[in-house]
Amino acid sequence: MIETASAAWDAYAACSPERRPTNGSGARTWFNWTQYPDHGPGVELLGLRPGDRALDLGCGSGGNAAHLASLGVGTVGVDVSTRQLAKARERWPDHPGVELHLVDALTHLRASPGTYAAVYSVFGAVYFSDPAILLPAIRSALVPGGRLVFSQRPAVEGCYGAQASLIQRGPDEDPAVVRRWDHEPGTWIGLLRAAGFVRTRAEILPAPPDSGRTEGTLHVRALRPGPPRCEDPEGIDLR
């Protein structure tokens, strides 16, 4: 199973654009939730402190994980693409706080009960995994009061549940096919609550006004029940 997924995501890595050397503020590392540069909320939504541990589900080339490491957060990135992980190791050799593993998300989560203060996915494994299976595993891997935050493209109206995504390969090869899970915000809230999460929130972040685009970004947050670890960045009680 991982071999098939690895081939598909290696094909994606071969044609995906490289992360910019610096962002609009000139920073070498930064956290980005959306498909637009220098847009949307930041790392504060994870509620992390130096010394915490976080898990990046589908870390790709490791830019978000490297930013967390620069803040003193021990970050584990898992991915099924050997090519993406090679990119991450090449670009971030001076970030010892990042651990990278070639493993599927569910396997790692099931081996990591009560480990992480935050689990996040940016167009990553939450997008491409059955939420009925993955969400309970994420809850178990979080510490009490830990956060799950993820983002992905919004669902196309009328196209919900498991959908087919095509990843282009070479000119003489058929596209690779992977499944993604698309739901409306309210459906995600119901799925999270059924998996044992609380203080769930799901919203569509609009595209930046100057982008010329209309597609927003689905952004979802939830907590594993437990004592609050820190104040919510928007001043909302997350207990």
C-alpha atoms as a PDB file:
ATOM      1  CA  MET A   1       0.000   0.000   0.000  1.00  0.00           C
ATOM      2  CA  ILE A   2       2.698   2.528   0.925  1.00  0.00           C
ATOM      3  CA  GLU A   3       4.610   1.641  -2.267  1.00  0.00           C
ATOM      4  CA  THR A   4       1.608   2.606  -4.430  1.00  0.00           C
ATOM      5  CA  ALA A   5       1.026   5.840  -2.538  1.00  0.00           C
ATOM      6  CA  SER A   6       4.737   6.646  -2.602  1.00  0.00           C
ATOM      7  CA  ALA A   7       4.857   6.352  -6.389  1.00  0.00           C
ATOM      8  CA  ALA A   8       1.892   8.708  -6.758  1.00  0.00           C
ATOM      9  CA  TRP A   9       3.289  11.345  -4.413  1.00  0.00           C
ATOM     10  CA  ASP A  10       6.787  11.027  -5.832  1.00  0.00           C
ATOM     11  CA  ALA A  11       5.217  11.933  -9.187  1.00  0.00           C
ATOM     12  CA  TYR A  12       3.603  14.953  -7.552  1.00  0.00           C
ATOM     13  CA  ALA A  13       6.912  15.984  -5.975  1.00  0.00           C
ATOM     14  CA  ALA A  14       8.614  15.895  -9.351  1.00  0.00           C
ATOM     15  CA  CYS A  15       6.340  18.605 -10.754  1.00  0.00           C
ATOM     16  CA  SER A  16       5.401  20.620  -7.666  1.00  0.00           C
ATOM     17  CA  PRO A  17       6.907  24.115  -7.337  1.00  0.00           C
ATOM     18  CA  GLU A  18       9.676  24.659  -4.822  1.00  0.00           C
ATOM     19  CA  ARG A  19       8.951  26.682  -1.691  1.00  0.00           C
ATOM     20  CA  ARG A  20      10.266  30.237  -1.965  1.00  0.00           C
ATOM     21  CA  PRO A  21      13.637  30.948  -0.298  1.00  0.00           C
ATOM     22  CA  THR A  22      11.993  33.644   1.846  1.00  0.00           C
ATOM     23  CA  ASN A  23       8.466  34.910   2.394  1.00  0.00           C
ATOM     24  CA  GLY A  24       7.138  38.424   1.853  1.00  0.00           C
ATOM     25  CA  SER A  25       8.691  39.570   5.123  1.00  0.00           C
ATOM     26  CA  GLY A  26      12.091  38.141   4.242  1.00  0.00           C
ATOM     27  CA  ALA A  27      11.844  35.273   6.744  1.00  0.00           C
ATOM     28  CA  ARG A  28      13.558  32.011   5.817  1.00  0.00           C
ATOM     29  CA  THR A  29      10.991  29.887   7.661  1.00  0.00           C
ATOM     30  CA  TRP A  30       7.280  30.552   8.074  1.00  0.00           C
ATOM     31  CA  PHE A  31       3.988  28.704   8.515  1.00  0.00           C
ATOM     32  CA  ASN A  32       1.385  28.817   5.767  1.00  0.00           C
ATOM     33  CA  TRP A  33      -2.094  27.237   5.950  1.00  0.00           C
ATOM     34  CA  THR A  34      -3.422  28.229   2.536  1.00  0.00           C
ATOM     35  CA  GLN A  35      -2.532  27.790  -1.119  1.00  0.00           C
ATOM     36  CA  TYR A  36      -1.736  31.506  -1.352  1.00  0.00           C
ATOM     37  CA  PRO A  37       1.576  33.095  -0.314  1.00  0.00           C
ATOM     38  CA  ASP A  38       1.683  35.335   2.760  1.00  0.00           C
ATOM     39  CA  HIS A  39      -2.004  34.810   3.462  1.00  0.00           C
ATOM     40  CA  GLY A  40      -4.154  33.588   6.311  1.00  0.00           C
ATOM     41  CA  PRO A  41      -3.472  32.822   9.967  1.00  0.00           C
ATOM     42  CA  GLY A  42      -0.155  31.578  11.271  1.00  0.00           C
ATOM     43  CA  VAL A  43       1.480  29.150  13.639  1.00  0.00           C
ATOM     44  CA  GLU A  44      -0.284  30.668  16.662  1.00  0.00           C
ATOM     45  CA  LEU A  45      -3.347  28.521  15.924  1.00  0.00           C
ATOM     46  CA  LEU A  46      -1.442  25.424  17.045  1.00  0.00           C
ATOM     47  CA  GLY A  47      -1.120  26.785  20.589  1.00  0.00           C
ATOM     48  CA  LEU A  48       2.432  25.463  20.948  1.00  0.00           C
ATOM     49  CA  ARG A  49       5.196  26.395  23.359  1.00  0.00           C
ATOM     50  CA  PRO A  50       8.943  25.708  23.207  1.00  0.00           C
ATOM     51  CA  GLY A  51       9.563  22.123  24.236  1.00  0.00           C
ATOM     52  CA  ASP A  52       6.210  20.859  22.929  1.00  0.00           C
ATOM     53  CA  ARG A  53       5.990  18.127  20.302  1.00  0.00           C
ATOM     54  CA  ALA A  54       4.002  18.441  17.085  1.00  0.00           C
ATOM     55  CA  LEU A  55       3.216  16.090  14.222  1.00  0.00           C
ATOM     56  CA  ASP A  56       2.981  17.099  10.560  1.00  0.00           C
ATOM     57  CA  LEU A  57       0.802  14.623   8.645  1.00  0.00           C
ATOM     58  CA  GLY A  58       2.047  14.716   5.063  1.00  0.00           C
ATOM     59  CA  CYS A  59       4.973  17.058   5.666  1.00  0.00           C
ATOM     60  CA  GLY A  60       6.074  17.253   2.027  1.00  0.00           C
ATOM     61  CA  SER A  61       9.288  19.237   1.693  1.00  0.00           C
ATOM     62  CA  GLY A  62       9.153  20.234   5.350  1.00  0.00           C
ATOM     63  CA  GLY A  63       8.727  24.004   5.324  1.00  0.00           C
ATOM     64  CA  ASN A  64       6.101  24.183   8.069  1.00  0.00           C
ATOM     65  CA  ALA A  65       7.931  21.640  10.222  1.00  0.00           C
ATOM     66  CA  ALA A  66      11.171  23.612   9.886  1.00  0.00           C
ATOM     67  CA  HIS A  67       9.434  26.759  11.084  1.00  0.00           C
ATOM     68  CA  LEU A  68       8.137  25.009  14.197  1.00  0.00           C
ATOM     69  CA  ALA A  69      11.626  23.683  14.908  1.00  0.00           C
ATOM     70  CA  SER A  70      12.982  27.231  14.670  1.00  0.00           C
ATOM     71  CA  LEU A  71      10.575  28.130  17.499  1.00  0.00           C
ATOM     72  CA  GLY A  72      11.846  25.356  19.757  1.00  0.00           C
ATOM     73  CA  VAL A  73       9.064  22.867  19.027  1.00  0.00           C
ATOM     74  CA  GLY A  74      10.127  19.265  18.450  1.00  0.00           C
ATOM     75  CA  THR A  75       8.412  18.390  15.188  1.00  0.00           C
ATOM     76  CA  VAL A  76       7.910  15.026  13.523  1.00  0.00           C
ATOM     77  CA  GLY A  77       7.058  14.988   9.837  1.00  0.00           C
ATOM     78  CA  VAL A  78       5.671  11.873   8.185  1.00  0.00           C
ATOM     79  CA  ASP A  79       5.186  11.353   4.469  1.00  0.00           C
ATOM     80  CA  VAL A  80       4.957   8.463   2.017  1.00  0.00           C
ATOM     81  CA  SER A  81       7.013  10.211  -0.684  1.00  0.00           C
ATOM     82  CA  THR A  82      10.726   9.450  -0.683  1.00  0.00           C
ATOM     83  CA  ARG A  83      11.269  12.343  -3.070  1.00  0.00           C
ATOM     84  CA  GLN A  84       9.498  14.857  -0.833  1.00  0.00           C
ATOM     85  CA  LEU A  85      11.472  13.734   2.210  1.00  0.00           C
ATOM     86  CA  ALA A  86      14.702  13.998   0.226  1.00  0.00           C
ATOM     87  CA  LYS A  87      13.774  17.601  -0.612  1.00  0.00           C
ATOM     88  CA  ALA A  88      13.125  18.294   3.066  1.00  0.00           C
ATOM     89  CA  ARG A  89      16.452  16.840   4.190  1.00  0.00           C
ATOM     90  CA  GLU A  90      18.312  18.802   1.512  1.00  0.00           C
ATOM     91  CA  ARG A  91      16.670  22.122   2.300  1.00  0.00           C
ATOM     92  CA  TRP A  92      16.604  21.963   6.111  1.00  0.00           C
ATOM     93  CA  PRO A  93      19.840  20.233   7.203  1.00  0.00           C
ATOM     94  CA  ASP A  94      20.368  22.817   9.949  1.00  0.00           C
ATOM     95  CA  HIS A  95      17.063  22.137  11.728  1.00  0.00           C
ATOM     96  CA  PRO A  96      17.840  19.291  14.150  1.00  0.00           C
ATOM     97  CA  GLY A  97      14.452  19.723  15.823  1.00  0.00           C
ATOM     98  CA  VAL A  98      12.757  18.084  12.822  1.00  0.00           C
ATOM     99  CA  GLU A  99      12.406  14.298  12.583  1.00  0.00           C
ATOM    100  CA  LEU A 100      11.353  12.930   9.198  1.00  0.00           C
ATOM    101  CA  HIS A 101       9.879   9.470   8.689  1.00  0.00           C
ATOM    102  CA  LEU A 102       8.840   7.538   5.595  1.00  0.00           C
ATOM    103  CA  VAL A 103       5.621   6.052   6.944  1.00  0.00           C
ATOM    104  CA  ASP A 104       1.901   6.411   6.361  1.00  0.00           C
ATOM    105  CA  ALA A 105       0.039   8.645   8.783  1.00  0.00           C
ATOM    106  CA  LEU A 106      -2.197   5.992  10.309  1.00  0.00           C
ATOM    107  CA  THR A 107       0.682   3.652  11.148  1.00  0.00           C
ATOM    108  CA  HIS A 108       2.593   6.425  12.902  1.00  0.00           C
ATOM    109  CA  LEU A 109      -0.426   7.684  14.803  1.00  0.00           C
ATOM    110  CA  ARG A 110      -1.300   4.247  16.118  1.00  0.00           C
ATOM    111  CA  ALA A 111       2.254   3.855  17.410  1.00  0.00           C
ATOM    112  CA  SER A 112       2.217   7.242  19.194  1.00  0.00           C
ATOM    113  CA  PRO A 113      -0.532   7.347  21.848  1.00  0.00           C
ATOM    114  CA  GLY A 114      -0.648  10.523  23.950  1.00  0.00           C
ATOM    115  CA  THR A 115       2.476  11.965  22.312  1.00  0.00           C
ATOM    116  CA  TYR A 116       1.725  15.274  20.605  1.00  0.00           C
ATOM    117  CA  ALA A 117       0.559  18.690  21.781  1.00  0.00           C
ATOM    118  CA  ALA A 118      -0.602  19.406  18.227  1.00  0.00           C
ATOM    119  CA  VAL A 119      -1.224  17.435  15.065  1.00  0.00           C
ATOM    120  CA  TYR A 120      -1.625  19.358  11.829  1.00  0.00           C
ATOM    121  CA  SER A 121      -2.104  18.735   8.127  1.00  0.00           C
ATOM    122  CA  VAL A 122      -1.749  21.333   5.385  1.00  0.00           C
ATOM    123  CA  PHE A 123      -3.214  19.828   2.218  1.00  0.00           C
ATOM    124  CA  GLY A 124      -1.760  16.625   3.651  1.00  0.00           C
ATOM    125  CA  ALA A 125      -2.824  13.285   5.044  1.00  0.00           C
ATOM    126  CA  VAL A 126      -6.136  14.458   6.503  1.00  0.00           C
ATOM    127  CA  TYR A 127      -7.157  15.421   2.970  1.00  0.00           C
ATOM    128  CA  PHE A 128      -6.224  12.006   1.590  1.00  0.00           C
ATOM    129  CA  SER A 129      -7.348   9.623   4.341  1.00  0.00           C
ATOM    130  CA  ASP A 130     -10.702   8.243   5.422  1.00  0.00           C
ATOM    131  CA  PRO A 131     -11.683  10.524   8.327  1.00  0.00           C
ATOM    132  CA  ALA A 132     -13.701   7.774  10.012  1.00  0.00           C
ATOM    133  CA  ILE A 133     -10.419   5.909  10.504  1.00  0.00           C
ATOM    134  CA  LEU A 134      -7.881   8.722  10.752  1.00  0.00           C
ATOM    135  CA  LEU A 135      -9.608  11.138  13.147  1.00  0.00           C
ATOM    136  CA  PRO A 136      -9.888   8.694  16.094  1.00  0.00           C
ATOM    137  CA  ALA A 137      -6.210   7.821  15.611  1.00  0.00           C
ATOM    138  CA  ILE A 138      -5.269  11.502  15.724  1.00  0.00           C
ATOM    139  CA  ARG A 139      -7.276  11.996  18.899  1.00  0.00           C
ATOM    140  CA  SER A 140      -5.416   9.116  20.565  1.00  0.00           C
ATOM    141  CA  ALA A 141      -2.028  10.525  19.538  1.00  0.00           C
ATOM    142  CA  LEU A 142      -2.758  13.927  21.106  1.00  0.00           C
ATOM    143  CA  VAL A 143      -2.139  14.744  24.746  1.00  0.00           C
ATOM    144  CA  PRO A 144      -5.223  15.852  26.730  1.00  0.00           C
ATOM    145  CA  GLY A 145      -6.046  19.360  25.584  1.00  0.00           C
ATOM    146  CA  GLY A 146      -3.977  18.914  22.412  1.00  0.00           C
ATOM    147  CA  ARG A 147      -5.058  20.422  19.107  1.00  0.00           C
ATOM    148  CA  LEU A 148      -5.800  19.143  15.634  1.00  0.00           C
ATOM    149  CA  VAL A 149      -5.648  21.810  12.933  1.00  0.00           C
ATOM    150  CA  PHE A 150      -5.845  21.138   9.207  1.00  0.00           C
ATOM    151  CA  SER A 151      -6.486  22.868   5.909  1.00  0.00           C
ATOM    152  CA  GLN A 152      -7.349  21.806   2.380  1.00  0.00           C
ATOM    153  CA  ARG A 153      -9.365  22.934  -0.614  1.00  0.00           C
ATOM    154  CA  PRO A 154     -13.097  23.363  -0.028  1.00  0.00           C
ATOM    155  CA  ALA A 155     -15.411  20.721  -1.422  1.00  0.00           C
ATOM    156  CA  VAL A 156     -17.000  21.316  -4.794  1.00  0.00           C
ATOM    157  CA  GLU A 157     -20.736  21.723  -4.289  1.00  0.00           C
ATOM    158  CA  GLY A 158     -22.463  18.357  -4.627  1.00  0.00           C
ATOM    159  CA  CYS A 159     -19.217  16.349  -4.635  1.00  0.00           C
ATOM    160  CA  TYR A 160     -18.788  15.025  -1.114  1.00  0.00           C
ATOM    161  CA  GLY A 161     -17.063  12.059   0.502  1.00  0.00           C
ATOM    162  CA  ALA A 162     -14.313  10.084  -1.237  1.00  0.00           C
ATOM    163  CA  GLN A 163     -13.350  11.643  -4.566  1.00  0.00           C
ATOM    164  CA  ALA A 164     -10.730  10.757  -7.162  1.00  0.00           C
ATOM    165  CA  SER A 165      -7.710  13.026  -7.636  1.00  0.00           C
ATOM    166  CA  LEU A 166      -5.413  12.664 -10.621  1.00  0.00           C
ATOM    167  CA  ILE A 167      -1.677  13.264 -10.321  1.00  0.00           C
ATOM    168  CA  GLN A 168       0.049  13.785 -13.639  1.00  0.00           C
ATOM    169  CA  ARG A 169       3.121  11.708 -14.391  1.00  0.00           C
ATOM    170  CA  GLY A 170       5.308  11.432 -17.508  1.00  0.00           C
ATOM    171  CA  PRO A 171       3.940  12.147 -21.010  1.00  0.00           C
ATOM    172  CA  ASP A 172       3.808   8.404 -21.755  1.00  0.00           C
ATOM    173  CA  GLU A 173       2.216   7.389 -18.430  1.00  0.00           C
ATOM    174  CA  ASP A 174      -1.331   7.396 -17.210  1.00  0.00           C
ATOM    175  CA  PRO A 175      -2.020   9.753 -14.281  1.00  0.00           C
ATOM    176  CA  ALA A 176      -1.746   8.299 -10.795  1.00  0.00           C
ATOM    177  CA  VAL A 177      -5.047   8.170  -8.950  1.00  0.00           C
ATOM    178  CA  VAL A 178      -5.398   8.914  -5.238  1.00  0.00           C
ATOM    179  CA  ARG A 179      -8.495   9.408  -3.124  1.00  0.00           C
ATOM    180  CA  ARG A 180      -9.300  12.555  -1.216  1.00  0.00           C
ATOM    181  CA  TRP A 181     -12.129  13.281   1.219  1.00  0.00           C
ATOM    182  CA  ASP A 182     -14.229  16.381   0.627  1.00  0.00           C
ATOM    183  CA  HIS A 183     -16.867  17.612   3.057  1.00  0.00           C
ATOM    184  CA  GLU A 184     -18.644  20.836   3.884  1.00  0.00           C
ATOM    185  CA  PRO A 185     -17.569  22.589   7.112  1.00  0.00           C
ATOM    186  CA  GLY A 186     -20.609  21.387   9.047  1.00  0.00           C
ATOM    187  CA  THR A 187     -19.940  17.788   8.068  1.00  0.00           C
ATOM    188  CA  TRP A 188     -16.350  18.049   9.290  1.00  0.00           C
ATOM    189  CA  ILE A 189     -17.604  19.312  12.639  1.00  0.00           C
ATOM    190  CA  GLY A 190     -19.901  16.293  12.926  1.00  0.00           C
ATOM    191  CA  LEU A 191     -17.101  13.883  12.013  1.00  0.00           C
ATOM    192  CA  LEU A 192     -14.772  15.434  14.579  1.00  0.00           C
ATOM    193  CA  ARG A 193     -17.350  15.290  17.351  1.00  0.00           C
ATOM    194  CA  ALA A 194     -18.089  11.657  16.497  1.00  0.00           C
ATOM    195  CA  ALA A 195     -14.361  10.943  16.855  1.00  0.00           C
ATOM    196  CA  GLY A 196     -14.342  12.447  20.364  1.00  0.00           C
ATOM    197  CA  PHE A 197     -13.112  15.990  19.661  1.00  0.00           C
ATOM    198  CA  VAL A 198     -14.512  19.121  21.278  1.00  0.00           C
ATOM    199  CA  ARG A 199     -14.459  22.858  20.533  1.00  0.00           C
ATOM    200  CA  THR A 200     -14.598  22.144  16.841  1.00  0.00           C
ATOM    201  CA  ARG A 201     -14.531  24.934  14.298  1.00  0.00           C
ATOM    202  CA  ALA A 202     -14.582  24.778  10.496  1.00  0.00           C
ATOM    203  CA  GLU A 203     -14.644  27.702   8.102  1.00  0.00           C
ATOM    204  CA  ILE A 204     -13.736  28.741   4.581  1.00  0.00           C
ATOM    205  CA  LEU A 205     -10.953  31.341   4.533  1.00  0.00           C
ATOM    206  CA  PRO A 206     -11.557  33.573   1.491  1.00  0.00           C
ATOM    207  CA  ALA A 207      -8.883  34.014  -1.144  1.00  0.00           C
ATOM    208  CA  PRO A 208      -6.810  37.194  -0.802  1.00  0.00           C
ATOM    209  CA  PRO A 209      -8.561  40.117  -2.563  1.00  0.00           C
ATOM    210  CA  ASP A 210      -5.589  40.843  -4.830  1.00  0.00           C
ATOM    211  CA  SER A 211      -5.145  37.236  -6.003  1.00  0.00           C
ATOM    212  CA  GLY A 212      -7.734  37.344  -8.756  1.00  0.00           C
ATOM    213  CA  ARG A 213      -8.996  33.989  -7.437  1.00  0.00           C
ATOM    214  CA  THR A 214     -12.270  32.977  -5.853  1.00  0.00           C
ATOM    215  CA  GLU A 215     -11.339  29.620  -4.298  1.00  0.00           C
ATOM    216  CA  GLY A 216     -10.897  29.844  -0.554  1.00  0.00           C
ATOM    217  CA  THR A 217      -9.285  27.407   1.873  1.00  0.00           C
ATOM    218  CA  LEU A 218     -11.109  25.071   4.232  1.00  0.00           C
ATOM    219  CA  HIS A 219      -9.630  25.491   7.712  1.00  0.00           C
ATOM    220  CA  VAL A 220     -10.608  23.235  10.609  1.00  0.00           C
ATOM    221  CA  ARG A 221      -9.677  23.166  14.327  1.00  0.00           C
ATOM    222  CA  ALA A 222     -10.555  20.890  17.221  1.00  0.00           C
ATOM    223  CA  LEU A 223      -9.319  19.798  20.659  1.00  0.00           C
ATOM    224  CA  ARG A 224      -8.873  16.519  22.406  1.00  0.00           C
ATOM    225  CA  PRO A 225     -10.796  16.894  25.677  1.00  0.00           C
ATOM    226  CA  GLY A 226      -8.661  17.829  28.657  1.00  0.00           C
ATOM    227  CA  PRO A 227      -7.320  20.776  30.634  1.00  0.00           C
ATOM    228  CA  PRO A 228      -6.579  23.761  28.376  1.00  0.00           C
ATOM    229  CA  ARG A 229      -2.863  23.957  27.607  1.00  0.00           C
ATOM    230  CA  CYS A 230      -2.862  27.661  26.770  1.00  0.00           C
ATOM    231  CA  GLU A 231      -5.143  30.547  25.882  1.00  0.00           C
ATOM    232  CA  ASP A 232      -6.769  30.406  22.474  1.00  0.00           C
ATOM    233  CA  PRO A 233      -5.155  33.014  20.154  1.00  0.00           C
ATOM    234  CA  GLU A 234      -8.568  34.511  19.452  1.00  0.00           C
ATOM    235  CA  GLY A 235      -9.493  34.709  23.132  1.00  0.00           C
ATOM    236  CA  ILE A 236     -11.996  31.840  22.954  1.00  0.00           C
ATOM    237  CA  ASP A 237     -12.247  29.347  25.788  1.00  0.00           C
ATOM    238  CA  LEU A 238     -11.154  26.017  24.282  1.00  0.00           C
ATOM    239  CA  ARG A 239     -11.854  23.814  27.284  1.00  0.00           C
END
